[in-house]
Amino acid sequence: MSSSSSCTNSRGNIRELFSFHCAAVTLMDYDEERTARFIRVGEFAVNLLVQATQHYSILMCACVLGELQWPLAKNAPVIRIGLRAFVFAVPGLLYGLQFPPSCSAHVMDTLERVFLKFGHYEDTSHVSGGYPSQDHEPQFWQRMRLIIEPLAHSALSKLGHVPGRSPWTAAHDVEHSGLVRALRVSATTKMISRDIISGSVKAIHINIHEAKTPTTCKSEEHEIVDNNIGDDRTIYASMNVFTDLVDAMEIAWMVASSDDHHSSDQHLLLKKKKSDDNGHLVFVDDDDDQKEGLISAWKWNKQGIIAFMKELKSAEEVEEKRLE
């Protein structure tokens, strides 16, 4: 495991909060067979990206395994289901992250502190009676799917997300819908990382809210070492920062690939998307009496989504080639 390191330029900076030389990620798809797709094995890292302005700092966290990336956010569940196994629930996706038996408890404790600080973390590894499979056994994710999915879906629902397969996935993507969405999430995560580092995220692109999230199952709060992340006011990235762009991309593909027969269904889906509330984080009014435990969170406004959609299309094409 490497120590915390950072790279800074005049606009933004990136800091490595955690790394370990070997881990594997599996995608639990929502196809008819409930396929567990092995995606990558390699070095795993968690990076913190910060763009400072005169009045505040916006930040995001990214999990990185080889060429694959996905976001870590305070309104997205991270569930520990074994000594060395974690589930990441992103709307429309379930990732399984697994470390080898040689990975020490100390390393896992360090990673846990990162997840507590920057994600919505829950530890179920010590549930009464234990799990039917050890996290180093073959076919672990297939064996555990019936237990993992209800836990993840319950956590997503409590955070305001709609669990399960993305409703925006085009009909021709059904067989590999999870993999396609994972590629889009990865491309989006990389693109936003680059834009934060370059200072391309402007105030005109985002809305900032005071927000609160449901209490995690950890009673005490843990801080990570070297937590100086910028100005006094820190603005955390909502999971919407990533999924709103991915959903917009999927809606565009759905509309482009469908015929007039499905136009009424498209209209209903688009209407639902436009009427979605802020539910991924529970936003509060300025005159709310209960301010304790609130965080500041940012997400795209309409202008931001439009501005970054063209860039995302190019990033997605590059991502597909890298992960072929």
Protein backbone atom coordinates (compact mmCIF):
# COMPACT_ATOMS: atom_id res chain seq x y z
CA MET A 1 0.00 0.00 0.00
CA SER A 2 1.42 3.35 -0.96
CA SER A 3 1.37 6.44 1.21
CA SER A 4 -0.81 9.41 0.34
CA SER A 5 0.62 11.37 -2.58
CA SER A 6 -0.55 14.26 -4.70
CA CYS A 7 -0.01 16.05 -7.98
CA THR A 8 -0.95 19.71 -8.22
CA ASN A 9 -1.21 22.34 -10.93
CA SER A 10 -2.53 25.91 -10.90
CA ARG A 11 -6.16 24.85 -11.30
CA GLY A 12 -6.76 21.59 -9.46
CA ASN A 13 -5.01 18.72 -7.77
CA ILE A 14 -5.26 14.98 -7.41
CA ARG A 15 -4.32 13.04 -4.30
CA GLU A 16 -4.03 9.30 -3.93
CA LEU A 17 -5.82 8.36 -0.71
CA PHE A 18 -5.25 4.62 -0.97
CA SER A 19 -3.62 2.05 -3.21
CA PHE A 20 -2.94 -1.67 -3.15
CA HIS A 21 -1.05 -3.66 -5.74
CA CYS A 22 -3.74 -6.25 -6.47
CA ALA A 23 -7.54 -6.36 -6.50
CA ALA A 24 -10.27 -7.68 -8.79
CA VAL A 25 -13.54 -6.08 -9.83
CA THR A 26 -16.65 -7.97 -10.94
CA LEU A 27 -19.81 -6.49 -12.44
CA MET A 28 -23.08 -8.06 -11.29
CA ASP A 29 -25.28 -7.49 -14.32
CA TYR A 30 -29.06 -7.15 -14.45
CA ASP A 31 -29.52 -9.40 -17.47
CA GLU A 32 -31.85 -12.42 -17.34
CA GLU A 33 -29.06 -14.72 -16.15
CA ARG A 34 -27.92 -12.25 -13.46
CA THR A 35 -24.40 -12.62 -14.89
CA ALA A 36 -21.37 -11.91 -12.73
CA ARG A 37 -18.86 -10.51 -15.23
CA PHE A 38 -15.21 -10.45 -14.24
CA ILE A 39 -13.93 -7.10 -15.53
CA ARG A 40 -10.41 -6.37 -14.34
CA VAL A 41 -7.59 -7.37 -12.00
CA GLY A 42 -4.71 -5.09 -11.11
CA GLU A 43 -3.66 -2.25 -8.85
CA PHE A 44 -6.55 -0.55 -7.07
CA ALA A 45 -6.52 3.08 -5.94
CA VAL A 46 -8.85 5.73 -4.56
CA ASN A 47 -8.10 9.25 -5.79
CA LEU A 48 -9.36 12.56 -4.43
CA LEU A 49 -9.67 15.40 -6.95
CA VAL A 50 -10.11 19.00 -5.84
CA GLN A 51 -10.71 22.20 -7.80
CA ALA A 52 -10.26 25.27 -5.61
CA THR A 53 -11.90 28.62 -6.25
CA GLN A 54 -11.80 31.87 -4.33
CA HIS A 55 -14.83 30.95 -2.23
CA TYR A 56 -14.95 27.15 -2.04
CA SER A 57 -13.44 23.86 -3.22
CA ILE A 58 -15.37 21.27 -5.23
CA LEU A 59 -14.21 17.70 -4.95
CA MET A 60 -14.87 14.21 -6.22
CA CYS A 61 -13.49 10.76 -5.43
CA ALA A 62 -12.74 8.07 -7.99
CA CYS A 63 -12.05 4.37 -7.58
CA VAL A 64 -9.50 3.19 -10.13
CA LEU A 65 -8.62 -0.34 -11.20
CA GLY A 66 -6.57 -0.43 -14.37
CA GLU A 67 -8.49 1.40 -17.09
CA LEU A 68 -11.80 1.11 -15.23
CA GLN A 69 -13.03 3.89 -12.96
CA TRP A 70 -16.18 4.55 -10.98
CA PRO A 71 -17.18 7.30 -8.51
CA LEU A 72 -17.20 7.21 -4.73
CA ALA A 73 -19.82 9.58 -3.30
CA LYS A 74 -21.49 10.30 0.01
CA ASN A 75 -24.87 9.33 -1.44
CA ALA A 76 -23.78 6.03 -2.98
CA PRO A 77 -23.62 2.83 -0.89
CA VAL A 78 -20.38 0.98 -0.21
CA ILE A 79 -21.10 -2.27 1.63
CA ARG A 80 -18.46 -4.49 3.20
CA ILE A 81 -19.61 -8.11 2.94
CA GLY A 82 -16.44 -9.96 3.89
CA LEU A 83 -13.00 -9.41 5.30
CA ARG A 84 -11.73 -8.36 1.88
CA ALA A 85 -14.86 -7.86 -0.25
CA PHE A 86 -16.90 -4.72 -0.92
CA VAL A 87 -19.97 -3.92 -3.00
CA PHE A 88 -20.42 -0.54 -4.70
CA ALA A 89 -24.02 0.29 -5.58
CA VAL A 90 -24.29 2.87 -8.33
CA PRO A 91 -27.73 3.46 -9.92
CA GLY A 92 -28.02 0.80 -12.62
CA LEU A 93 -24.83 -1.02 -11.54
CA LEU A 94 -23.43 -3.31 -8.85
CA TYR A 95 -19.64 -3.62 -8.60
CA GLY A 96 -17.89 -6.27 -6.50
CA LEU A 97 -14.36 -5.43 -5.34
CA GLN A 98 -12.22 -8.25 -3.94
CA PHE A 99 -8.74 -8.31 -2.42
CA PRO A 100 -6.47 -11.38 -2.12
CA PRO A 101 -6.03 -13.32 1.16
CA SER A 102 -2.53 -11.83 1.45
CA CYS A 103 -4.05 -8.38 2.00
CA SER A 104 -3.72 -7.57 5.71
CA ALA A 105 -6.43 -6.39 8.07
CA HIS A 106 -4.48 -3.16 8.57
CA VAL A 107 -4.72 -2.37 4.86
CA MET A 108 -8.46 -3.08 4.89
CA ASP A 109 -8.92 -0.84 7.93
CA THR A 110 -7.18 1.98 6.08
CA LEU A 111 -9.47 1.53 3.09
CA GLU A 112 -12.48 1.41 5.39
CA ARG A 113 -11.59 4.83 6.80
CA VAL A 114 -11.47 6.25 3.28
CA PHE A 115 -14.91 4.80 2.51
CA LEU A 116 -16.29 6.19 5.77
CA LYS A 117 -15.03 9.66 4.93
CA PHE A 118 -16.03 9.87 1.27
CA GLY A 119 -18.76 7.27 0.73
CA HIS A 120 -21.96 6.01 2.35
CA TYR A 121 -20.34 3.07 4.10
CA GLU A 122 -21.92 0.07 5.79
CA ASP A 123 -20.07 -2.90 7.30
CA THR A 124 -22.07 -6.14 7.23
CA SER A 125 -19.07 -8.46 7.43
CA HIS A 126 -19.90 -9.42 11.02
CA VAL A 127 -23.59 -10.20 10.61
CA SER A 128 -25.09 -12.76 12.95
CA GLY A 129 -24.53 -16.28 11.65
CA GLY A 130 -22.06 -15.16 9.00
CA TYR A 131 -22.33 -15.46 5.23
CA PRO A 132 -22.63 -18.79 3.38
CA SER A 133 -19.40 -18.19 1.43
CA GLN A 134 -15.96 -16.90 2.37
CA ASP A 135 -14.75 -14.00 0.26
CA HIS A 136 -11.78 -15.98 -1.10
CA GLU A 137 -13.89 -18.89 -2.40
CA PRO A 138 -14.41 -19.47 -6.14
CA GLN A 139 -17.67 -18.14 -7.57
CA PHE A 140 -18.04 -15.88 -4.54
CA TRP A 141 -20.10 -13.21 -6.28
CA GLN A 142 -22.43 -15.71 -7.94
CA ARG A 143 -23.02 -17.43 -4.58
CA MET A 144 -23.60 -14.15 -2.76
CA ARG A 145 -25.78 -12.41 -5.36
CA LEU A 146 -29.09 -13.27 -3.66
CA ILE A 147 -27.82 -11.68 -0.44
CA ILE A 148 -25.96 -8.75 -1.97
CA GLU A 149 -28.70 -7.45 -4.23
CA PRO A 150 -31.39 -6.83 -1.55
CA LEU A 151 -28.81 -5.11 0.70
CA ALA A 152 -27.63 -2.86 -2.11
CA HIS A 153 -31.12 -2.08 -3.36
CA SER A 154 -32.34 -1.20 0.12
CA ALA A 155 -29.41 1.17 0.61
CA LEU A 156 -29.96 2.78 -2.80
CA SER A 157 -33.66 3.31 -2.06
CA LYS A 158 -32.91 4.97 1.28
CA LEU A 159 -30.64 7.40 -0.55
CA GLY A 160 -33.36 8.27 -3.07
CA HIS A 161 -32.12 6.19 -6.01
CA VAL A 162 -34.14 3.77 -8.10
CA PRO A 163 -32.42 0.36 -7.78
CA GLY A 164 -32.07 -2.19 -10.55
CA ARG A 165 -31.35 -1.94 -14.24
CA SER A 166 -31.31 1.52 -15.77
CA PRO A 167 -34.69 2.30 -17.42
CA TRP A 168 -32.90 4.37 -20.04
CA THR A 169 -30.94 1.50 -21.59
CA ALA A 170 -31.82 1.12 -25.27
CA ALA A 171 -33.44 -2.12 -26.36
CA HIS A 172 -30.44 -3.24 -28.42
CA ASP A 173 -28.21 -2.95 -25.33
CA VAL A 174 -30.22 -5.36 -23.14
CA GLU A 175 -27.80 -8.30 -23.34
CA HIS A 176 -24.78 -6.25 -22.29
CA SER A 177 -26.57 -3.30 -20.70
CA GLY A 178 -24.58 -3.47 -17.46
CA LEU A 179 -21.23 -3.52 -19.23
CA VAL A 180 -22.23 -0.66 -21.53
CA ARG A 181 -23.35 1.43 -18.56
CA ALA A 182 -20.15 0.61 -16.64
CA LEU A 183 -18.11 1.85 -19.62
CA ARG A 184 -20.12 5.05 -19.70
CA VAL A 185 -19.72 5.57 -15.96
CA SER A 186 -15.97 4.99 -16.33
CA ALA A 187 -15.71 7.44 -19.22
CA THR A 188 -17.73 10.01 -17.27
CA THR A 189 -15.57 9.62 -14.15
CA LYS A 190 -12.38 10.12 -16.16
CA MET A 191 -13.78 13.09 -18.03
CA ILE A 192 -14.91 14.90 -14.88
CA SER A 193 -11.56 14.12 -13.23
CA ARG A 194 -9.74 15.79 -16.12
CA ASP A 195 -12.08 18.76 -16.05
CA ILE A 196 -11.60 19.30 -12.32
CA ILE A 197 -7.82 19.14 -12.71
CA SER A 198 -7.91 21.62 -15.60
CA GLY A 199 -10.32 23.95 -13.82
CA SER A 200 -12.98 23.49 -16.50
CA VAL A 201 -15.89 23.11 -14.08
CA LYS A 202 -17.34 26.62 -13.78
CA ALA A 203 -19.87 28.11 -11.38
CA ILE A 204 -22.32 28.51 -14.28
CA HIS A 205 -22.33 24.71 -14.76
CA ILE A 206 -23.35 23.60 -11.26
CA ASN A 207 -25.86 24.00 -8.46
CA ILE A 208 -24.69 23.82 -4.85
CA HIS A 209 -26.97 22.68 -2.04
CA GLU A 210 -26.80 21.94 1.64
CA ALA A 211 -27.56 18.25 2.01
CA LYS A 212 -27.79 15.42 4.47
CA THR A 213 -27.59 11.66 4.03
CA PRO A 214 -29.09 8.85 6.13
CA THR A 215 -26.94 7.67 9.01
CA THR A 216 -24.49 4.90 8.18
CA CYS A 217 -24.23 1.74 10.25
CA LYS A 218 -20.94 2.84 11.78
CA SER A 219 -21.55 4.52 15.12
CA GLU A 220 -18.29 6.42 15.32
CA GLU A 221 -16.86 8.83 12.75
CA HIS A 222 -13.37 8.18 11.40
CA GLU A 223 -11.09 10.76 9.84
CA ILE A 224 -8.27 9.96 7.45
CA VAL A 225 -4.78 11.32 7.91
CA ASP A 226 -3.79 14.40 5.87
CA ASN A 227 -7.33 15.63 5.32
CA ASN A 228 -6.45 19.17 4.24
CA ILE A 229 -8.52 19.31 1.08
CA GLY A 230 -8.69 23.01 0.33
CA ASP A 231 -10.74 26.00 1.37
CA ASP A 232 -13.00 26.14 4.42
CA ARG A 233 -16.12 25.38 2.40
CA THR A 234 -15.84 21.98 0.77
CA ILE A 235 -18.44 20.92 -1.81
CA TYR A 236 -18.79 17.15 -2.30
CA ALA A 237 -19.83 15.66 -5.63
CA SER A 238 -23.25 14.05 -5.61
CA MET A 239 -23.61 10.76 -7.46
CA ASN A 240 -25.90 12.76 -9.78
CA VAL A 241 -22.78 14.46 -11.14
CA PHE A 242 -21.99 11.17 -12.89
CA THR A 243 -25.36 9.46 -13.39
CA ASP A 244 -27.13 12.52 -14.82
CA LEU A 245 -24.63 12.60 -17.69
CA VAL A 246 -24.79 8.83 -18.20
CA ASP A 247 -28.61 8.89 -18.13
CA ALA A 248 -28.63 11.72 -20.67
CA MET A 249 -26.34 9.67 -22.92
CA GLU A 250 -28.58 6.59 -22.60
CA ILE A 251 -31.73 8.61 -23.31
CA ALA A 252 -30.10 10.01 -26.44
CA TRP A 253 -29.21 6.51 -27.64
CA MET A 254 -32.71 5.25 -26.82
CA VAL A 255 -34.39 8.01 -28.79
CA ALA A 256 -32.01 7.61 -31.74
CA SER A 257 -32.46 3.83 -31.95
CA SER A 258 -36.24 3.57 -31.42
CA ASP A 259 -39.05 3.83 -33.94
CA ASP A 260 -42.31 5.76 -33.72
CA HIS A 261 -44.04 2.76 -32.12
CA HIS A 262 -42.12 3.45 -28.91
CA SER A 263 -42.42 7.23 -28.98
CA SER A 264 -45.12 7.31 -26.29
CA ASP A 265 -42.97 5.18 -23.96
CA GLN A 266 -40.02 7.49 -24.61
CA HIS A 267 -42.16 10.50 -23.76
CA LEU A 268 -43.16 8.97 -20.43
CA LEU A 269 -39.57 8.12 -19.55
CA LEU A 270 -38.31 11.58 -20.48
CA LYS A 271 -41.13 13.18 -18.51
CA LYS A 272 -40.21 11.08 -15.49
CA LYS A 273 -36.53 12.03 -15.84
CA LYS A 274 -37.38 15.72 -15.97
CA SER A 275 -39.62 15.45 -12.91
CA ASP A 276 -37.12 13.53 -10.78
CA ASP A 277 -36.42 15.29 -7.51
CA ASN A 278 -33.03 15.80 -5.92
CA GLY A 279 -33.52 12.51 -4.11
CA HIS A 280 -29.98 11.18 -4.43
CA LEU A 281 -29.18 13.57 -1.60
CA VAL A 282 -31.78 14.96 0.78
CA PHE A 283 -31.62 18.70 0.18
CA VAL A 284 -32.87 21.13 2.80
CA ASP A 285 -34.13 24.71 2.67
CA ASP A 286 -32.03 27.60 3.90
CA ASP A 287 -34.46 28.22 6.76
CA ASP A 288 -34.35 24.61 7.99
CA ASP A 289 -33.80 24.57 11.75
CA GLN A 290 -31.80 21.36 11.78
CA LYS A 291 -28.44 22.13 10.20
CA GLU A 292 -26.37 19.67 12.20
CA GLY A 293 -24.62 17.01 10.14
CA LEU A 294 -25.19 18.73 6.80
CA ILE A 295 -22.75 18.73 3.92
CA SER A 296 -22.53 20.90 0.84
CA ALA A 297 -23.04 18.99 -2.41
CA TRP A 298 -22.77 19.95 -6.07
CA LYS A 299 -24.49 18.62 -9.17
CA TRP A 300 -24.89 19.79 -12.76
CA ASN A 301 -27.54 22.26 -13.81
CA LYS A 302 -29.05 22.13 -17.29
CA GLN A 303 -26.28 24.29 -18.73
CA GLY A 304 -23.65 22.00 -17.24
CA ILE A 305 -25.20 18.84 -18.68
CA ILE A 306 -25.40 20.39 -22.15
CA ALA A 307 -21.82 21.69 -21.95
CA PHE A 308 -20.30 18.33 -21.02
CA MET A 309 -22.42 15.98 -23.14
CA LYS A 310 -20.39 16.51 -26.33
CA GLU A 311 -17.14 15.86 -24.48
CA LEU A 312 -18.62 12.71 -22.91
CA LYS A 313 -19.53 11.23 -26.30
CA SER A 314 -15.89 11.40 -27.40
CA ALA A 315 -14.70 10.06 -24.03
CA GLU A 316 -17.06 7.08 -24.29
CA GLU A 317 -15.65 6.06 -27.67
CA VAL A 318 -12.10 6.14 -26.26
CA GLU A 319 -13.20 4.10 -23.22
CA GLU A 320 -14.68 1.34 -25.36
CA LYS A 321 -11.42 0.96 -27.28
CA ARG A 322 -9.28 0.87 -24.11
CA LEU A 323 -11.36 -1.85 -22.45
CA GLU A 324 -11.82 -4.08 -25.50
